[in-house]
Protein backbone atom coordinates (compact mmCIF):
# COMPACT_ATOMS: atom_id res chain seq x y z
CA MET A 1 -8.96 41.49 -39.15
CA SER A 2 -11.36 39.47 -37.31
CA VAL A 3 -13.58 40.44 -34.43
CA SER A 4 -15.09 37.59 -32.27
CA PRO A 5 -17.75 38.15 -29.63
CA SER A 6 -17.25 38.25 -25.90
CA VAL A 7 -16.26 35.14 -24.45
CA PRO A 8 -16.59 34.89 -20.54
CA VAL A 9 -13.78 33.62 -18.89
CA PRO A 10 -15.04 33.13 -15.24
CA THR A 11 -12.43 33.39 -12.05
CA ALA A 12 -13.01 33.63 -8.35
CA ALA A 13 -11.31 37.34 -8.65
CA SER A 14 -14.28 38.31 -11.06
CA ALA A 15 -17.16 37.64 -8.24
CA SER A 16 -14.88 39.75 -5.56
CA SER A 17 -14.03 42.34 -7.61
CA ALA A 18 -17.11 43.27 -8.97
CA ALA A 19 -17.93 45.25 -5.55
CA SER A 20 -15.16 47.55 -6.15
CA ALA A 21 -12.82 48.87 -9.03
CA PRO A 22 -10.09 46.51 -9.94
CA THR A 23 -6.45 48.08 -9.39
CA GLN A 24 -3.58 47.81 -11.79
CA ALA A 25 -2.49 44.69 -9.56
CA ASP A 26 -5.89 43.43 -10.08
CA LEU A 27 -5.65 43.67 -13.76
CA LEU A 28 -2.32 42.18 -13.99
CA ASP A 29 -3.42 39.14 -11.78
CA PHE A 30 -6.16 38.73 -14.23
CA VAL A 31 -4.22 38.94 -17.48
CA ARG A 32 -1.42 36.85 -15.88
CA ARG A 33 -3.88 33.86 -15.36
CA THR A 34 -5.80 34.26 -18.45
CA ALA A 35 -2.43 34.28 -20.67
CA ALA A 36 -1.68 30.72 -18.60
CA ASP A 37 -5.08 29.11 -19.73
CA THR A 38 -3.65 27.10 -22.87
CA GLU A 39 -7.05 25.90 -23.84
CA LEU A 40 -8.30 29.68 -24.23
CA ILE A 41 -4.86 30.95 -25.95
CA ALA A 42 -5.27 27.97 -28.45
CA SER A 43 -9.00 28.84 -29.24
CA LEU A 44 -7.84 32.36 -30.82
CA PRO A 45 -8.20 32.55 -34.47
CA LEU A 46 -5.03 33.53 -36.21
CA ASP A 47 -4.85 35.62 -39.41
CA PRO A 48 -1.86 35.71 -41.26
CA GLU A 49 -2.18 39.40 -42.27
CA GLY A 50 -4.09 41.34 -39.51
CA ARG A 51 -4.33 40.97 -35.81
CA THR A 52 -7.32 39.12 -34.45
CA TRP A 53 -8.95 39.75 -31.05
CA VAL A 54 -11.74 38.18 -28.71
CA ARG A 55 -13.42 40.31 -26.02
CA LEU A 56 -13.03 38.76 -22.61
CA ALA A 57 -15.20 39.27 -19.28
CA GLY A 58 -12.53 41.22 -17.40
CA PRO A 59 -12.75 41.60 -13.21
CA GLY A 60 -14.99 44.14 -11.78
CA GLY A 61 -16.60 45.44 -15.05
CA SER A 62 -13.19 45.92 -16.62
CA GLU A 63 -12.73 45.68 -20.43
CA ALA A 64 -10.62 42.74 -21.41
CA TRP A 65 -9.10 41.40 -24.87
CA LEU A 66 -7.43 38.30 -26.48
CA ILE A 67 -5.31 39.61 -29.01
CA GLY A 68 -3.43 37.71 -31.75
CA TRP A 69 -0.35 39.40 -33.48
CA PRO A 70 0.92 38.42 -36.98
CA PRO A 71 4.56 38.59 -37.73
CA GLY A 72 5.67 42.08 -37.88
CA THR A 73 2.73 43.82 -36.76
CA GLY A 74 1.94 46.55 -34.18
CA THR A 75 -0.31 49.04 -32.63
CA GLY A 76 1.23 52.19 -33.67
CA TRP A 77 1.90 54.66 -30.75
CA HIS A 78 -1.01 55.27 -28.70
CA ASP A 79 -2.46 55.95 -25.00
CA HIS A 80 -5.85 54.66 -23.26
CA ALA A 81 -6.89 58.01 -21.88
CA GLU A 82 -8.16 58.07 -18.33
CA SER A 83 -7.94 54.18 -17.78
CA VAL A 84 -5.37 51.79 -16.27
CA GLY A 85 -4.44 48.57 -17.68
CA ALA A 86 -2.32 45.44 -18.06
CA PHE A 87 -1.14 43.21 -20.68
CA VAL A 88 0.85 39.68 -20.49
CA THR A 89 2.26 37.89 -23.63
CA ALA A 90 0.87 34.38 -23.66
CA SER A 91 2.78 33.18 -26.48
CA GLY A 92 5.54 34.58 -28.97
CA GLU A 93 7.35 37.71 -27.63
CA LEU A 94 6.13 41.55 -27.55
CA LYS A 95 7.88 44.36 -27.55
CA GLU A 96 6.66 47.67 -25.93
CA ASN A 97 8.20 51.14 -26.81
CA ALA A 98 6.93 53.70 -23.68
CA LEU A 99 7.43 57.15 -22.80
CA ALA A 100 8.54 57.61 -19.28
CA ALA A 101 6.71 61.17 -19.07
CA ARG A 102 3.21 62.22 -18.64
CA LEU A 103 1.86 64.14 -21.46
CA PRO A 104 -0.79 67.14 -21.36
CA ALA A 105 -4.35 65.14 -21.80
CA ASP A 106 -5.94 67.86 -24.08
CA GLY A 107 -5.11 70.85 -25.75
CA TRP A 108 -2.09 70.03 -28.06
CA ARG A 109 -1.41 68.82 -31.24
CA THR A 110 2.38 68.55 -31.71
CA LEU A 111 5.19 68.17 -28.52
CA GLU A 112 8.66 67.79 -28.76
CA LEU A 113 9.58 64.97 -26.24
CA ALA A 114 12.73 65.54 -23.79
CA ASP A 115 15.63 63.20 -24.25
CA GLY A 116 15.62 60.29 -22.20
CA VAL A 117 11.88 59.53 -22.26
CA ASP A 118 12.19 56.49 -24.01
CA ARG A 119 11.89 52.96 -22.50
CA GLU A 120 11.66 49.61 -24.04
CA ARG A 121 10.72 46.33 -22.92
CA ARG A 122 10.83 42.60 -24.28
CA LEU A 123 8.17 40.68 -23.06
CA PRO A 124 8.64 37.05 -23.79
CA ALA A 125 5.88 34.37 -23.36
CA GLY A 126 4.47 34.67 -19.56
CA LYS A 127 5.79 38.46 -19.11
CA GLY A 128 4.00 41.60 -18.98
CA ARG A 129 3.30 44.68 -17.08
CA SER A 130 0.93 47.11 -15.83
CA PHE A 131 0.34 50.71 -16.51
CA GLY A 132 -1.52 54.18 -15.19
CA ARG A 133 -3.78 56.53 -16.58
CA HIS A 134 -2.05 58.40 -19.74
CA HIS A 135 0.41 55.71 -20.50
CA VAL A 136 1.77 56.22 -24.14
CA HIS A 137 3.49 53.14 -25.61
CA GLU A 138 3.45 51.15 -28.83
CA VAL A 139 3.51 47.21 -28.72
CA LEU A 140 5.27 45.33 -31.40
CA ASN A 141 5.54 41.74 -32.49
CA GLU A 142 8.96 42.04 -34.57
CA SER A 143 8.94 38.32 -35.29
CA THR A 144 9.42 37.59 -39.17
CA GLU A 145 7.90 34.08 -38.61
CA ARG A 146 5.94 33.41 -35.28
CA HIS A 147 2.47 34.87 -34.11
CA ALA A 148 2.42 36.37 -30.77
CA ILE A 149 -0.71 36.22 -28.42
CA SER A 150 -1.52 38.37 -25.26
CA VAL A 151 -3.95 39.31 -22.78
CA HIS A 152 -5.21 42.87 -21.97
CA ALA A 153 -7.40 44.38 -19.50
CA TYR A 154 -8.53 48.03 -18.74
CA TYR A 155 -10.32 49.61 -16.10
CA PRO A 156 -12.68 51.68 -16.52
CA PRO A 157 -13.55 50.37 -20.06
CA LEU A 158 -11.73 52.43 -22.74
CA PRO A 159 -13.64 55.58 -23.03
CA GLN A 160 -10.94 56.48 -26.19
CA ILE A 161 -7.89 55.64 -27.51
CA ARG A 162 -5.58 58.60 -28.73
CA ARG A 163 -3.16 57.50 -31.68
CA TYR A 164 -0.08 59.32 -32.37
CA SER A 165 2.84 59.41 -35.11
CA ARG A 166 6.28 60.05 -33.76
CA VAL A 167 9.31 61.05 -35.57
CA GLY A 168 12.43 61.51 -33.67
CA GLN A 169 11.42 63.15 -30.53
CA ILE A 170 8.20 64.83 -32.56
CA LEU A 171 5.03 63.42 -31.30
CA ARG A 172 1.82 64.27 -32.94
CA LEU A 173 -1.60 63.64 -31.94
CA GLU A 174 -3.19 61.83 -35.05
CA GLN A 175 -6.94 60.67 -34.60
CA VAL A 176 -8.86 60.28 -31.41
CA GLU A 177 -10.78 56.52 -31.43
CA ARG A 178 -14.20 55.78 -29.44
CA PRO A 179 -15.27 52.29 -28.62
CA GLU A 180 -17.50 52.38 -31.62
CA ASP A 181 -14.64 52.75 -33.78
CA TRP A 182 -13.37 49.36 -32.57
CA GLN A 183 -16.15 46.84 -31.50
């Protein structure tokens, strides 16, 4: 796993969004434009064994990342707490499994999910999505041969990530990570 320093990505939207908090639409626009920057995407060092990432300068004080996904890797189930976000696949294909249900923010360790809450999206290069607060998902590169690369942005900058395990319809809170754990 590699961590690289922040790489500023100047955009016209960065200056105009600085005065106000970026919306989900602003973040999605940013990640789409950034994912289309072929020179930036090609500059990401890829590791055959673990994800790699570079922090980017997002619009309006948002947190943004360029992430490389080796074949067969994923995030595991997690959420982004109070942050809204967006991500776009720049190369390869990612799969997102998500829950179409709002979970309680705090005070639980194990939940039984209702039937019908699962959503699956295939996100080939150029495709992505935005999401609201408390969005629970996992992102996977299911390819056995090819890296995927994606661009992600969050606002406010991630205060924490809650990680979950899942067996069938049982979702269990396993860990809460703070920014110092991944920066």
